[in-house]
Amino acid sequence: MLQRFLQLIIDGQHHSLGDIAADMGISEALAGEMAEKLTQLGYLQAVGSGTCGDSACAECPVGGACLTGGRRGYIPTGKGS
């Protein structure tokens, strides 16, 4: 289940945990727990909602195309790609 969740993030077609949860048929709370677990394991990096510093966009793989809109989002790390 974690692999499918990670693949949906890598595919980039879902823009919120709610979208992923609906696609997987799970609750948004469970999707959030899965994202946090994958972050702890080093497969995802949290972005947005205060997790980015002033110069983070220059180093971020999604740069100026960030779709978090101030919400917490997740991107795959090198380990998660």
C-alpha atoms as a PDB file:
ATOM      1  CA  MET A   1       0.000   0.000   0.000  1.00  0.00           C
ATOM      2  CA  LEU A   2       2.886   2.382   0.781  1.00  0.00           C
ATOM      3  CA  GLN A   3       4.431   1.607  -2.607  1.00  0.00           C
ATOM      4  CA  ARG A   4       1.216   2.526  -4.414  1.00  0.00           C
ATOM      5  CA  PHE A   5       0.928   5.715  -2.355  1.00  0.00           C
ATOM      6  CA  LEU A   6       4.506   6.675  -3.231  1.00  0.00           C
ATOM      7  CA  GLN A   7       3.924   5.898  -6.912  1.00  0.00           C
ATOM      8  CA  LEU A   8       0.889   8.196  -6.993  1.00  0.00           C
ATOM      9  CA  ILE A   9       3.033  11.033  -5.649  1.00  0.00           C
ATOM     10  CA  ILE A  10       5.822  10.287  -8.126  1.00  0.00           C
ATOM     11  CA  ASP A  11       3.309  10.278 -11.000  1.00  0.00           C
ATOM     12  CA  GLY A  12       2.370  13.843 -10.003  1.00  0.00           C
ATOM     13  CA  GLN A  13      -1.267  13.692 -11.046  1.00  0.00           C
ATOM     14  CA  HIS A  14      -2.661  14.170  -7.538  1.00  0.00           C
ATOM     15  CA  HIS A  15      -2.389  17.559  -5.911  1.00  0.00           C
ATOM     16  CA  SER A  16      -3.575  16.793  -2.392  1.00  0.00           C
ATOM     17  CA  LEU A  17      -3.687  14.014   0.141  1.00  0.00           C
ATOM     18  CA  GLY A  18      -7.452  14.076  -0.303  1.00  0.00           C
ATOM     19  CA  ASP A  19      -7.056  13.269  -4.012  1.00  0.00           C
ATOM     20  CA  ILE A  20      -4.716  10.379  -3.242  1.00  0.00           C
ATOM     21  CA  ALA A  21      -7.003   9.106  -0.476  1.00  0.00           C
ATOM     22  CA  ALA A  22     -10.004   9.133  -2.814  1.00  0.00           C
ATOM     23  CA  ASP A  23      -8.035   7.317  -5.522  1.00  0.00           C
ATOM     24  CA  MET A  24      -6.877   4.656  -3.056  1.00  0.00           C
ATOM     25  CA  GLY A  25     -10.226   4.346  -1.250  1.00  0.00           C
ATOM     26  CA  ILE A  26      -8.766   5.307   2.134  1.00  0.00           C
ATOM     27  CA  SER A  27      -9.372   8.154   4.576  1.00  0.00           C
ATOM     28  CA  GLU A  28      -7.472  11.403   4.257  1.00  0.00           C
ATOM     29  CA  ALA A  29      -6.172  10.832   7.806  1.00  0.00           C
ATOM     30  CA  LEU A  30      -4.635   7.506   6.750  1.00  0.00           C
ATOM     31  CA  ALA A  31      -3.119   9.169   3.673  1.00  0.00           C
ATOM     32  CA  GLY A  32      -1.537  11.754   5.980  1.00  0.00           C
ATOM     33  CA  GLU A  33      -0.103   9.021   8.188  1.00  0.00           C
ATOM     34  CA  MET A  34       1.302   7.245   5.142  1.00  0.00           C
ATOM     35  CA  ALA A  35       2.915  10.453   3.902  1.00  0.00           C
ATOM     36  CA  GLU A  36       4.491  11.060   7.309  1.00  0.00           C
ATOM     37  CA  LYS A  37       5.792   7.469   7.450  1.00  0.00           C
ATOM     38  CA  LEU A  38       7.350   7.760   3.990  1.00  0.00           C
ATOM     39  CA  THR A  39       8.883  11.082   5.062  1.00  0.00           C
ATOM     40  CA  GLN A  40      10.397   9.457   8.166  1.00  0.00           C
ATOM     41  CA  LEU A  41      11.782   6.654   5.997  1.00  0.00           C
ATOM     42  CA  GLY A  42      13.387   9.200   3.662  1.00  0.00           C
ATOM     43  CA  TYR A  43      11.245   8.566   0.564  1.00  0.00           C
ATOM     44  CA  LEU A  44       9.351  11.878   0.691  1.00  0.00           C
ATOM     45  CA  GLN A  45      10.154  15.442   1.676  1.00  0.00           C
ATOM     46  CA  ALA A  46       7.494  17.730   3.098  1.00  0.00           C
ATOM     47  CA  VAL A  47       7.106  21.077   1.320  1.00  0.00           C
ATOM     48  CA  GLY A  48       4.903  24.104   1.879  1.00  0.00           C
ATOM     49  CA  SER A  49       3.107  25.205   5.025  1.00  0.00           C
ATOM     50  CA  GLY A  50       6.192  26.604   6.690  1.00  0.00           C
ATOM     51  CA  THR A  51       8.492  23.697   5.793  1.00  0.00           C
ATOM     52  CA  CYS A  52      10.336  25.686   3.127  1.00  0.00           C
ATOM     53  CA  GLY A  53      12.926  28.335   3.899  1.00  0.00           C
ATOM     54  CA  ASP A  54      13.381  31.581   1.953  1.00  0.00           C
ATOM     55  CA  SER A  55      15.862  30.070  -0.521  1.00  0.00           C
ATOM     56  CA  ALA A  56      14.326  26.597  -0.705  1.00  0.00           C
ATOM     57  CA  CYS A  57      12.649  27.122  -4.101  1.00  0.00           C
ATOM     58  CA  ALA A  58      16.031  27.398  -5.824  1.00  0.00           C
ATOM     59  CA  GLU A  59      17.014  23.982  -4.469  1.00  0.00           C
ATOM     60  CA  CYS A  60      13.595  22.329  -4.760  1.00  0.00           C
ATOM     61  CA  PRO A  61      12.978  19.907  -7.649  1.00  0.00           C
ATOM     62  CA  VAL A  62       9.643  21.587  -8.396  1.00  0.00           C
ATOM     63  CA  GLY A  63      11.039  25.113  -8.016  1.00  0.00           C
ATOM     64  CA  GLY A  64       8.589  27.846  -8.931  1.00  0.00           C
ATOM     65  CA  ALA A  65       5.949  25.341 -10.038  1.00  0.00           C
ATOM     66  CA  CYS A  66       5.002  24.414  -6.482  1.00  0.00           C
ATOM     67  CA  LEU A  67       1.328  23.526  -6.246  1.00  0.00           C
ATOM     68  CA  THR A  68       1.042  23.351  -2.467  1.00  0.00           C
ATOM     69  CA  GLY A  69      -0.577  26.782  -2.320  1.00  0.00           C
ATOM     70  CA  GLY A  70       0.661  27.204   1.228  1.00  0.00           C
ATOM     71  CA  ARG A  71      -0.583  23.759   2.253  1.00  0.00           C
ATOM     72  CA  ARG A  72       1.722  20.973   3.313  1.00  0.00           C
ATOM     73  CA  GLY A  73       2.627  18.804   0.365  1.00  0.00           C
ATOM     74  CA  TYR A  74       5.144  16.072  -0.390  1.00  0.00           C
ATOM     75  CA  ILE A  75       7.719  15.445  -3.082  1.00  0.00           C
ATOM     76  CA  PRO A  76       9.816  12.331  -3.632  1.00  0.00           C
ATOM     77  CA  THR A  77      13.432  12.437  -2.502  1.00  0.00           C
ATOM     78  CA  GLY A  78      16.262  10.834  -4.458  1.00  0.00           C
ATOM     79  CA  LYS A  79      15.582   7.675  -2.474  1.00  0.00           C
ATOM     80  CA  GLY A  80      11.889   7.848  -3.357  1.00  0.00           C
ATOM     81  CA  SER A  81      12.268   8.514  -7.074  1.00  0.00           C
END
